[in-house]
Amino acid sequence: MSDEEEDYMSDAFLSKIQDVKPGVSMVRRVKEAMKKEIKQKETNVKNRQKSFKEQEKESREAALQNAISNQSKGFALLQKMGYKAGQGLGKEGAGRVDPIPLNIKTDRGGIGMEEVKKRKAEEELENYRQKVRAQQRNETKSLEDFRSRVRTEREERRIEADLRKSQRACEHLDSQKGISAPREEWYWPDIQEDEEEEEEEEEETDELTSFDKLHILTSYLRGVHYYCIWCGTNFNDEEDLSSNCPGDTAADHE
């Protein structure tokens, strides 16, 4: 048993606690004294187990709280050159008053590592921003492409509908004038052709789109029958047509 540890059952130890709490049983007083002694020892051990970094930090903070003493060689040299405590550096005393603050490294990185990490973080942030901007541009372009495709499909359906309407009107008006066959096979709807005529027709009309056919057919209806499919009116003559019809396209009638 070491000198620091006491025998809890010795007369010397028991004499310390005999009059602490009169009336309390001896066993209970011994247990309380033992707990108090153990707790005190644990506190002392804990205080002695401060890490080197903690001790270093405490020493550094304590030193920074104190002004530079006259025992410092650097401070003594400054005083020889006329410097006074609390005065700024420089000939005019307009320089730094307080010491340059310390920047303690707590990691194992080499000199300049912090700048490298900072620059890398900035580059990663910029790359992320560029990816976000690129994604937004792609989403915007996709949305514009979708809207354009929808507009195109809607326009194509409208042209097809106007073409069928023009074909039916052409057949009806031609029949009223005693025309038994259309000027072009596609001027009338649902014309039945044999295989040879189909092949010839395909060769002739392959290059014509629905828009081209609509333009040709509406010009024929206006020039021959003075009829406008969008007005739905059969005008008396060319002068009546030009005076009362807004135009020769669907957009003119909107």
C-alpha atoms as a PDB file:
ATOM      1  CA  MET A   1       0.000   0.000   0.000  1.00  0.00           C
ATOM      2  CA  SER A   2       1.492   3.404  -1.044  1.00  0.00           C
ATOM      3  CA  ASP A   3       1.959   6.348   1.309  1.00  0.00           C
ATOM      4  CA  GLU A   4      -0.749   8.356  -0.517  1.00  0.00           C
ATOM      5  CA  GLU A   5      -3.442   5.704   0.114  1.00  0.00           C
ATOM      6  CA  GLU A   6      -4.790   5.370   3.626  1.00  0.00           C
ATOM      7  CA  ASP A   7      -6.131   2.296   5.321  1.00  0.00           C
ATOM      8  CA  TYR A   8      -9.836   2.973   5.667  1.00  0.00           C
ATOM      9  CA  MET A   9     -10.012   0.692   8.728  1.00  0.00           C
ATOM     10  CA  SER A  10      -7.016   2.203  10.552  1.00  0.00           C
ATOM     11  CA  ASP A  11      -7.368   4.197  13.756  1.00  0.00           C
ATOM     12  CA  ALA A  12      -5.878   7.257  12.077  1.00  0.00           C
ATOM     13  CA  PHE A  13      -8.511   7.280   9.362  1.00  0.00           C
ATOM     14  CA  LEU A  14     -11.404   6.493  11.714  1.00  0.00           C
ATOM     15  CA  SER A  15     -10.366   9.317  14.013  1.00  0.00           C
ATOM     16  CA  LYS A  16     -11.013  11.783  11.188  1.00  0.00           C
ATOM     17  CA  ILE A  17     -14.650  10.823  10.884  1.00  0.00           C
ATOM     18  CA  GLN A  18     -15.713  10.085  14.457  1.00  0.00           C
ATOM     19  CA  ASP A  19     -17.327  13.471  15.103  1.00  0.00           C
ATOM     20  CA  VAL A  20     -18.421  14.323  11.560  1.00  0.00           C
ATOM     21  CA  LYS A  21     -22.022  13.144  11.910  1.00  0.00           C
ATOM     22  CA  PRO A  22     -22.768  12.130  15.478  1.00  0.00           C
ATOM     23  CA  GLY A  23     -25.580   9.631  15.741  1.00  0.00           C
ATOM     24  CA  VAL A  24     -24.901   8.043  12.317  1.00  0.00           C
ATOM     25  CA  SER A  25     -23.693   4.478  12.353  1.00  0.00           C
ATOM     26  CA  MET A  26     -19.995   3.837  11.953  1.00  0.00           C
ATOM     27  CA  VAL A  27     -20.460   1.710   8.807  1.00  0.00           C
ATOM     28  CA  ARG A  28     -22.410   4.422   7.015  1.00  0.00           C
ATOM     29  CA  ARG A  29     -19.868   7.101   7.939  1.00  0.00           C
ATOM     30  CA  VAL A  30     -17.030   4.918   6.680  1.00  0.00           C
ATOM     31  CA  LYS A  31     -18.799   4.359   3.327  1.00  0.00           C
ATOM     32  CA  GLU A  32     -19.446   8.086   2.848  1.00  0.00           C
ATOM     33  CA  ALA A  33     -15.845   8.925   3.646  1.00  0.00           C
ATOM     34  CA  MET A  34     -14.619   6.272   1.200  1.00  0.00           C
ATOM     35  CA  LYS A  35     -16.815   7.651  -1.618  1.00  0.00           C
ATOM     36  CA  LYS A  36     -15.594  11.184  -0.947  1.00  0.00           C
ATOM     37  CA  GLU A  37     -11.973  10.106  -0.958  1.00  0.00           C
ATOM     38  CA  ILE A  38     -12.395   8.100  -4.188  1.00  0.00           C
ATOM     39  CA  LYS A  39     -14.125  11.003  -5.914  1.00  0.00           C
ATOM     40  CA  GLN A  40     -11.342  13.370  -4.892  1.00  0.00           C
ATOM     41  CA  LYS A  41      -8.716  10.986  -6.247  1.00  0.00           C
ATOM     42  CA  GLU A  42     -10.568  10.654  -9.570  1.00  0.00           C
ATOM     43  CA  THR A  43     -10.713  14.440  -9.882  1.00  0.00           C
ATOM     44  CA  ASN A  44      -6.985  14.713  -9.192  1.00  0.00           C
ATOM     45  CA  VAL A  45      -6.176  12.024 -11.767  1.00  0.00           C
ATOM     46  CA  LYS A  46      -8.400  13.700 -14.342  1.00  0.00           C
ATOM     47  CA  ASN A  47      -6.667  17.039 -13.818  1.00  0.00           C
ATOM     48  CA  ARG A  48      -3.289  15.389 -14.234  1.00  0.00           C
ATOM     49  CA  GLN A  49      -4.327  13.650 -17.499  1.00  0.00           C
ATOM     50  CA  LYS A  50      -4.535  16.719 -19.714  1.00  0.00           C
ATOM     51  CA  SER A  51      -3.177  16.037 -23.158  1.00  0.00           C
ATOM     52  CA  PHE A  52      -0.081  17.720 -24.492  1.00  0.00           C
ATOM     53  CA  LYS A  53      -2.207  19.771 -26.917  1.00  0.00           C
ATOM     54  CA  GLU A  54      -4.443  20.958 -24.107  1.00  0.00           C
ATOM     55  CA  GLN A  55      -1.464  21.947 -21.965  1.00  0.00           C
ATOM     56  CA  GLU A  56       0.097  23.681 -24.967  1.00  0.00           C
ATOM     57  CA  LYS A  57      -3.125  25.568 -25.695  1.00  0.00           C
ATOM     58  CA  GLU A  58      -3.483  26.692 -22.075  1.00  0.00           C
ATOM     59  CA  SER A  59       0.131  27.846 -21.977  1.00  0.00           C
ATOM     60  CA  ARG A  60      -0.239  29.726 -25.273  1.00  0.00           C
ATOM     61  CA  GLU A  61      -3.440  31.472 -24.206  1.00  0.00           C
ATOM     62  CA  ALA A  62      -1.915  32.417 -20.884  1.00  0.00           C
ATOM     63  CA  ALA A  63       1.145  33.857 -22.633  1.00  0.00           C
ATOM     64  CA  LEU A  64      -0.975  35.840 -25.101  1.00  0.00           C
ATOM     65  CA  GLN A  65      -2.886  37.444 -22.247  1.00  0.00           C
ATOM     66  CA  ASN A  66       0.301  38.958 -20.870  1.00  0.00           C
ATOM     67  CA  ALA A  67       2.189  41.864 -22.374  1.00  0.00           C
ATOM     68  CA  ILE A  68       5.721  41.374 -23.669  1.00  0.00           C
ATOM     69  CA  SER A  69       8.096  41.684 -20.726  1.00  0.00           C
ATOM     70  CA  ASN A  70      11.363  43.608 -20.618  1.00  0.00           C
ATOM     71  CA  GLN A  71      13.168  40.288 -20.505  1.00  0.00           C
ATOM     72  CA  SER A  72      12.322  39.674 -24.186  1.00  0.00           C
ATOM     73  CA  LYS A  73      15.377  40.381 -26.321  1.00  0.00           C
ATOM     74  CA  GLY A  74      13.264  41.619 -29.179  1.00  0.00           C
ATOM     75  CA  PHE A  75      11.356  44.021 -26.966  1.00  0.00           C
ATOM     76  CA  ALA A  76      14.617  45.241 -25.415  1.00  0.00           C
ATOM     77  CA  LEU A  77      16.008  46.031 -28.894  1.00  0.00           C
ATOM     78  CA  LEU A  78      12.864  47.978 -29.777  1.00  0.00           C
ATOM     79  CA  GLN A  79      13.177  50.019 -26.599  1.00  0.00           C
ATOM     80  CA  LYS A  80      16.795  50.866 -27.433  1.00  0.00           C
ATOM     81  CA  MET A  81      15.564  52.255 -30.744  1.00  0.00           C
ATOM     82  CA  GLY A  82      13.038  54.495 -28.980  1.00  0.00           C
ATOM     83  CA  TYR A  83      10.001  52.298 -28.934  1.00  0.00           C
ATOM     84  CA  LYS A  84       7.560  52.663 -26.023  1.00  0.00           C
ATOM     85  CA  ALA A  85       4.999  50.151 -24.813  1.00  0.00           C
ATOM     86  CA  GLY A  86       1.582  50.706 -26.467  1.00  0.00           C
ATOM     87  CA  GLN A  87       3.080  52.737 -29.311  1.00  0.00           C
ATOM     88  CA  GLY A  88       2.590  51.777 -32.971  1.00  0.00           C
ATOM     89  CA  LEU A  89       5.518  50.517 -34.994  1.00  0.00           C
ATOM     90  CA  GLY A  90       7.345  52.699 -37.470  1.00  0.00           C
ATOM     91  CA  LYS A  91       9.049  56.066 -37.376  1.00  0.00           C
ATOM     92  CA  GLU A  92       5.760  57.931 -37.048  1.00  0.00           C
ATOM     93  CA  GLY A  93       4.226  55.370 -34.698  1.00  0.00           C
ATOM     94  CA  ALA A  94       1.413  54.685 -37.163  1.00  0.00           C
ATOM     95  CA  GLY A  95       2.149  50.994 -37.641  1.00  0.00           C
ATOM     96  CA  ARG A  96       0.826  47.868 -35.963  1.00  0.00           C
ATOM     97  CA  VAL A  97       0.224  48.106 -32.225  1.00  0.00           C
ATOM     98  CA  ASP A  98      -0.862  44.563 -31.432  1.00  0.00           C
ATOM     99  CA  PRO A  99       1.216  41.519 -32.373  1.00  0.00           C
ATOM    100  CA  ILE A 100       0.318  39.566 -35.484  1.00  0.00           C
ATOM    101  CA  PRO A 101      -2.310  37.009 -34.432  1.00  0.00           C
ATOM    102  CA  LEU A 102      -1.312  33.372 -34.399  1.00  0.00           C
ATOM    103  CA  ASN A 103      -2.795  30.896 -36.837  1.00  0.00           C
ATOM    104  CA  ILE A 104      -2.193  27.512 -35.274  1.00  0.00           C
ATOM    105  CA  LYS A 105      -2.261  24.523 -37.589  1.00  0.00           C
ATOM    106  CA  THR A 106      -4.179  21.608 -36.127  1.00  0.00           C
ATOM    107  CA  ASP A 107      -3.830  19.220 -39.056  1.00  0.00           C
ATOM    108  CA  ARG A 108      -0.929  17.394 -40.674  1.00  0.00           C
ATOM    109  CA  GLY A 109      -1.111  19.246 -44.020  1.00  0.00           C
ATOM    110  CA  GLY A 110       1.971  20.977 -45.335  1.00  0.00           C
ATOM    111  CA  ILE A 111       2.490  24.694 -45.913  1.00  0.00           C
ATOM    112  CA  GLY A 112       0.028  26.033 -48.464  1.00  0.00           C
ATOM    113  CA  MET A 113      -2.349  23.099 -48.033  1.00  0.00           C
ATOM    114  CA  GLU A 114      -5.137  25.378 -46.808  1.00  0.00           C
ATOM    115  CA  GLU A 115      -4.929  27.440 -50.004  1.00  0.00           C
ATOM    116  CA  VAL A 116      -5.019  24.269 -52.089  1.00  0.00           C
ATOM    117  CA  LYS A 117      -8.107  23.037 -50.230  1.00  0.00           C
ATOM    118  CA  LYS A 118      -9.789  26.429 -50.574  1.00  0.00           C
ATOM    119  CA  ARG A 119      -9.046  26.610 -54.296  1.00  0.00           C
ATOM    120  CA  LYS A 120     -10.270  23.034 -54.791  1.00  0.00           C
ATOM    121  CA  ALA A 121     -13.504  23.803 -52.922  1.00  0.00           C
ATOM    122  CA  GLU A 122     -14.061  26.899 -55.091  1.00  0.00           C
ATOM    123  CA  GLU A 123     -13.447  24.863 -58.256  1.00  0.00           C
ATOM    124  CA  GLU A 124     -15.892  22.177 -57.127  1.00  0.00           C
ATOM    125  CA  LEU A 125     -18.498  24.844 -56.361  1.00  0.00           C
ATOM    126  CA  GLU A 126     -17.998  26.448 -59.773  1.00  0.00           C
ATOM    127  CA  ASN A 127     -18.240  23.067 -61.507  1.00  0.00           C
ATOM    128  CA  TYR A 128     -21.472  22.367 -59.645  1.00  0.00           C
ATOM    129  CA  ARG A 129     -22.873  25.745 -60.691  1.00  0.00           C
ATOM    130  CA  GLN A 130     -21.927  25.080 -64.317  1.00  0.00           C
ATOM    131  CA  LYS A 131     -23.661  21.684 -64.193  1.00  0.00           C
ATOM    132  CA  VAL A 132     -26.793  23.305 -62.750  1.00  0.00           C
ATOM    133  CA  ARG A 133     -26.768  26.008 -65.445  1.00  0.00           C
ATOM    134  CA  ALA A 134     -26.229  23.396 -68.178  1.00  0.00           C
ATOM    135  CA  GLN A 135     -29.095  21.304 -66.810  1.00  0.00           C
ATOM    136  CA  GLN A 136     -31.355  24.363 -66.738  1.00  0.00           C
ATOM    137  CA  ARG A 137     -30.424  25.204 -70.349  1.00  0.00           C
ATOM    138  CA  ASN A 138     -31.139  21.621 -71.418  1.00  0.00           C
ATOM    139  CA  GLU A 139     -34.489  21.651 -69.632  1.00  0.00           C
ATOM    140  CA  THR A 140     -35.377  24.986 -71.236  1.00  0.00           C
ATOM    141  CA  LYS A 141     -34.362  23.720 -74.679  1.00  0.00           C
ATOM    142  CA  SER A 142     -36.323  20.494 -74.190  1.00  0.00           C
ATOM    143  CA  LEU A 143     -39.385  22.493 -73.201  1.00  0.00           C
ATOM    144  CA  GLU A 144     -39.004  24.791 -76.219  1.00  0.00           C
ATOM    145  CA  ASP A 145     -38.537  21.780 -78.518  1.00  0.00           C
ATOM    146  CA  PHE A 146     -41.653  20.154 -77.070  1.00  0.00           C
ATOM    147  CA  ARG A 147     -43.705  23.309 -77.558  1.00  0.00           C
ATOM    148  CA  SER A 148     -42.400  23.696 -81.095  1.00  0.00           C
ATOM    149  CA  ARG A 149     -43.225  20.071 -81.886  1.00  0.00           C
ATOM    150  CA  VAL A 150     -46.737  20.501 -80.487  1.00  0.00           C
ATOM    151  CA  ARG A 151     -47.267  23.654 -82.565  1.00  0.00           C
ATOM    152  CA  THR A 152     -45.985  21.894 -85.688  1.00  0.00           C
ATOM    153  CA  GLU A 153     -48.231  18.875 -85.157  1.00  0.00           C
ATOM    154  CA  ARG A 154     -51.229  21.121 -84.513  1.00  0.00           C
ATOM    155  CA  GLU A 155     -50.512  23.094 -87.680  1.00  0.00           C
ATOM    156  CA  GLU A 156     -50.134  19.895 -89.721  1.00  0.00           C
ATOM    157  CA  ARG A 157     -53.494  18.617 -88.461  1.00  0.00           C
ATOM    158  CA  ARG A 158     -55.135  21.935 -89.336  1.00  0.00           C
ATOM    159  CA  ILE A 159     -53.647  21.863 -92.842  1.00  0.00           C
ATOM    160  CA  GLU A 160     -54.848  18.288 -93.364  1.00  0.00           C
ATOM    161  CA  ALA A 161     -58.338  19.245 -92.211  1.00  0.00           C
ATOM    162  CA  ASP A 162     -58.409  22.301 -94.513  1.00  0.00           C
ATOM    163  CA  LEU A 163     -57.173  20.167 -97.419  1.00  0.00           C
ATOM    164  CA  ARG A 164     -59.970  17.618 -96.974  1.00  0.00           C
ATOM    165  CA  LYS A 165     -62.464  20.438 -96.689  1.00  0.00           C
ATOM    166  CA  SER A 166     -61.127  21.995 -99.917  1.00  0.00           C
ATOM    167  CA  GLN A 167     -61.301  18.643-101.750  1.00  0.00           C
ATOM    168  CA  ARG A 168     -64.965  18.141-100.807  1.00  0.00           C
ATOM    169  CA  ALA A 169     -65.822  21.708-101.828  1.00  0.00           C
ATOM    170  CA  CYS A 170     -63.925  21.302-105.114  1.00  0.00           C
ATOM    171  CA  GLU A 171     -65.802  18.093-105.985  1.00  0.00           C
ATOM    172  CA  HIS A 172     -69.147  19.697-105.172  1.00  0.00           C
ATOM    173  CA  LEU A 173     -68.501  22.918-107.115  1.00  0.00           C
ATOM    174  CA  ASP A 174     -66.972  21.089-110.095  1.00  0.00           C
ATOM    175  CA  SER A 175     -70.022  18.808-110.241  1.00  0.00           C
ATOM    176  CA  GLN A 176     -72.342  21.825-110.256  1.00  0.00           C
ATOM    177  CA  LYS A 177     -70.516  23.152-113.311  1.00  0.00           C
ATOM    178  CA  GLY A 178     -70.755  19.778-115.055  1.00  0.00           C
ATOM    179  CA  ILE A 179     -67.086  18.882-114.611  1.00  0.00           C
ATOM    180  CA  SER A 180     -66.986  15.112-114.492  1.00  0.00           C
ATOM    181  CA  ALA A 181     -63.307  14.642-113.578  1.00  0.00           C
ATOM    182  CA  PRO A 182     -61.010  16.701-111.384  1.00  0.00           C
ATOM    183  CA  ARG A 183     -58.147  18.692-112.888  1.00  0.00           C
ATOM    184  CA  GLU A 184     -55.766  16.700-110.708  1.00  0.00           C
ATOM    185  CA  GLU A 185     -56.609  13.384-109.101  1.00  0.00           C
ATOM    186  CA  TRP A 186     -56.040  14.727-105.591  1.00  0.00           C
ATOM    187  CA  TYR A 187     -58.373  17.719-106.175  1.00  0.00           C
ATOM    188  CA  TRP A 188     -61.298  15.461-105.186  1.00  0.00           C
ATOM    189  CA  PRO A 189     -61.466  13.171-102.161  1.00  0.00           C
ATOM    190  CA  ASP A 190     -61.536   9.362-102.265  1.00  0.00           C
ATOM    191  CA  ILE A 191     -60.675   8.943-105.961  1.00  0.00           C
ATOM    192  CA  GLN A 192     -60.348   5.213-106.789  1.00  0.00           C
ATOM    193  CA  GLU A 193     -57.397   4.414-109.039  1.00  0.00           C
ATOM    194  CA  ASP A 194     -55.957   1.212-110.462  1.00  0.00           C
ATOM    195  CA  GLU A 195     -52.410   0.218-109.646  1.00  0.00           C
ATOM    196  CA  GLU A 196     -50.867   1.813-112.761  1.00  0.00           C
ATOM    197  CA  GLU A 197     -52.599   5.135-112.180  1.00  0.00           C
ATOM    198  CA  GLU A 198     -51.572   5.037-108.519  1.00  0.00           C
ATOM    199  CA  GLU A 199     -47.918   4.571-109.425  1.00  0.00           C
ATOM    200  CA  GLU A 200     -48.058   7.443-111.908  1.00  0.00           C
ATOM    201  CA  GLU A 201     -49.839   9.678-109.412  1.00  0.00           C
ATOM    202  CA  GLU A 202     -47.305   8.904-106.690  1.00  0.00           C
ATOM    203  CA  GLU A 203     -44.449   9.818-109.007  1.00  0.00           C
ATOM    204  CA  GLU A 204     -46.101  13.132-109.867  1.00  0.00           C
ATOM    205  CA  THR A 205     -47.231  14.128-106.375  1.00  0.00           C
ATOM    206  CA  ASP A 206     -44.468  12.750-104.158  1.00  0.00           C
ATOM    207  CA  GLU A 207     -42.836  16.139-104.020  1.00  0.00           C
ATOM    208  CA  LEU A 208     -46.053  17.942-103.049  1.00  0.00           C
ATOM    209  CA  THR A 209     -46.722  18.381 -99.339  1.00  0.00           C
ATOM    210  CA  SER A 210     -50.138  18.858 -97.805  1.00  0.00           C
ATOM    211  CA  PHE A 211     -49.350  22.553 -97.476  1.00  0.00           C
ATOM    212  CA  ASP A 212     -48.495  22.770-101.184  1.00  0.00           C
ATOM    213  CA  LYS A 213     -51.678  20.938-102.163  1.00  0.00           C
ATOM    214  CA  LEU A 214     -53.791  23.197 -99.931  1.00  0.00           C
ATOM    215  CA  HIS A 215     -52.294  26.318-101.471  1.00  0.00           C
ATOM    216  CA  ILE A 216     -52.827  25.046-105.033  1.00  0.00           C
ATOM    217  CA  LEU A 217     -56.374  23.846-104.383  1.00  0.00           C
ATOM    218  CA  THR A 218     -57.549  26.992-102.567  1.00  0.00           C
ATOM    219  CA  SER A 219     -56.138  29.094-105.432  1.00  0.00           C
ATOM    220  CA  TYR A 220     -58.115  26.935-107.879  1.00  0.00           C
ATOM    221  CA  LEU A 221     -61.327  27.332-105.841  1.00  0.00           C
ATOM    222  CA  ARG A 222     -60.890  31.105-105.612  1.00  0.00           C
ATOM    223  CA  GLY A 223     -59.948  31.548-109.257  1.00  0.00           C
ATOM    224  CA  VAL A 224     -62.502  29.197-110.848  1.00  0.00           C
ATOM    225  CA  HIS A 225     -65.412  29.123-108.401  1.00  0.00           C
ATOM    226  CA  TYR A 226     -64.790  32.344-106.398  1.00  0.00           C
ATOM    227  CA  TYR A 227     -65.060  30.237-103.301  1.00  0.00           C
ATOM    228  CA  CYS A 228     -63.184  30.634 -99.969  1.00  0.00           C
ATOM    229  CA  ILE A 229     -63.156  27.626 -97.661  1.00  0.00           C
ATOM    230  CA  TRP A 230     -62.466  29.770 -94.585  1.00  0.00           C
ATOM    231  CA  CYS A 231     -65.308  32.191 -95.311  1.00  0.00           C
ATOM    232  CA  GLY A 232     -67.492  29.268 -96.430  1.00  0.00           C
ATOM    233  CA  THR A 233     -68.963  31.536 -99.105  1.00  0.00           C
ATOM    234  CA  ASN A 234     -69.324  31.286-102.862  1.00  0.00           C
ATOM    235  CA  PHE A 235     -68.845  34.899-104.023  1.00  0.00           C
ATOM    236  CA  ASN A 236     -70.433  36.348-107.155  1.00  0.00           C
ATOM    237  CA  ASP A 237     -67.235  37.261-108.953  1.00  0.00           C
ATOM    238  CA  GLU A 238     -63.574  38.088-108.471  1.00  0.00           C
ATOM    239  CA  GLU A 239     -64.315  41.658-107.401  1.00  0.00           C
ATOM    240  CA  ASP A 240     -66.809  40.479-104.794  1.00  0.00           C
ATOM    241  CA  LEU A 241     -64.251  37.952-103.549  1.00  0.00           C
ATOM    242  CA  SER A 242     -61.414  40.448-103.220  1.00  0.00           C
ATOM    243  CA  SER A 243     -63.657  43.044-101.568  1.00  0.00           C
ATOM    244  CA  ASN A 244     -65.314  40.855 -98.945  1.00  0.00           C
ATOM    245  CA  CYS A 245     -62.785  38.068 -98.248  1.00  0.00           C
ATOM    246  CA  PRO A 246     -60.019  38.915 -95.742  1.00  0.00           C
ATOM    247  CA  GLY A 247     -57.365  36.919 -97.622  1.00  0.00           C
ATOM    248  CA  ASP A 248     -56.300  33.650 -99.148  1.00  0.00           C
ATOM    249  CA  THR A 249     -54.798  32.025 -96.000  1.00  0.00           C
ATOM    250  CA  ALA A 250     -56.186  30.724 -92.711  1.00  0.00           C
ATOM    251  CA  ALA A 251     -54.178  33.319 -90.793  1.00  0.00           C
ATOM    252  CA  ASP A 252     -56.023  36.115 -92.628  1.00  0.00           C
ATOM    253  CA  HIS A 253     -59.305  34.845 -91.219  1.00  0.00           C
ATOM    254  CA  GLU A 254     -58.231  34.638 -87.564  1.00  0.00           C
END
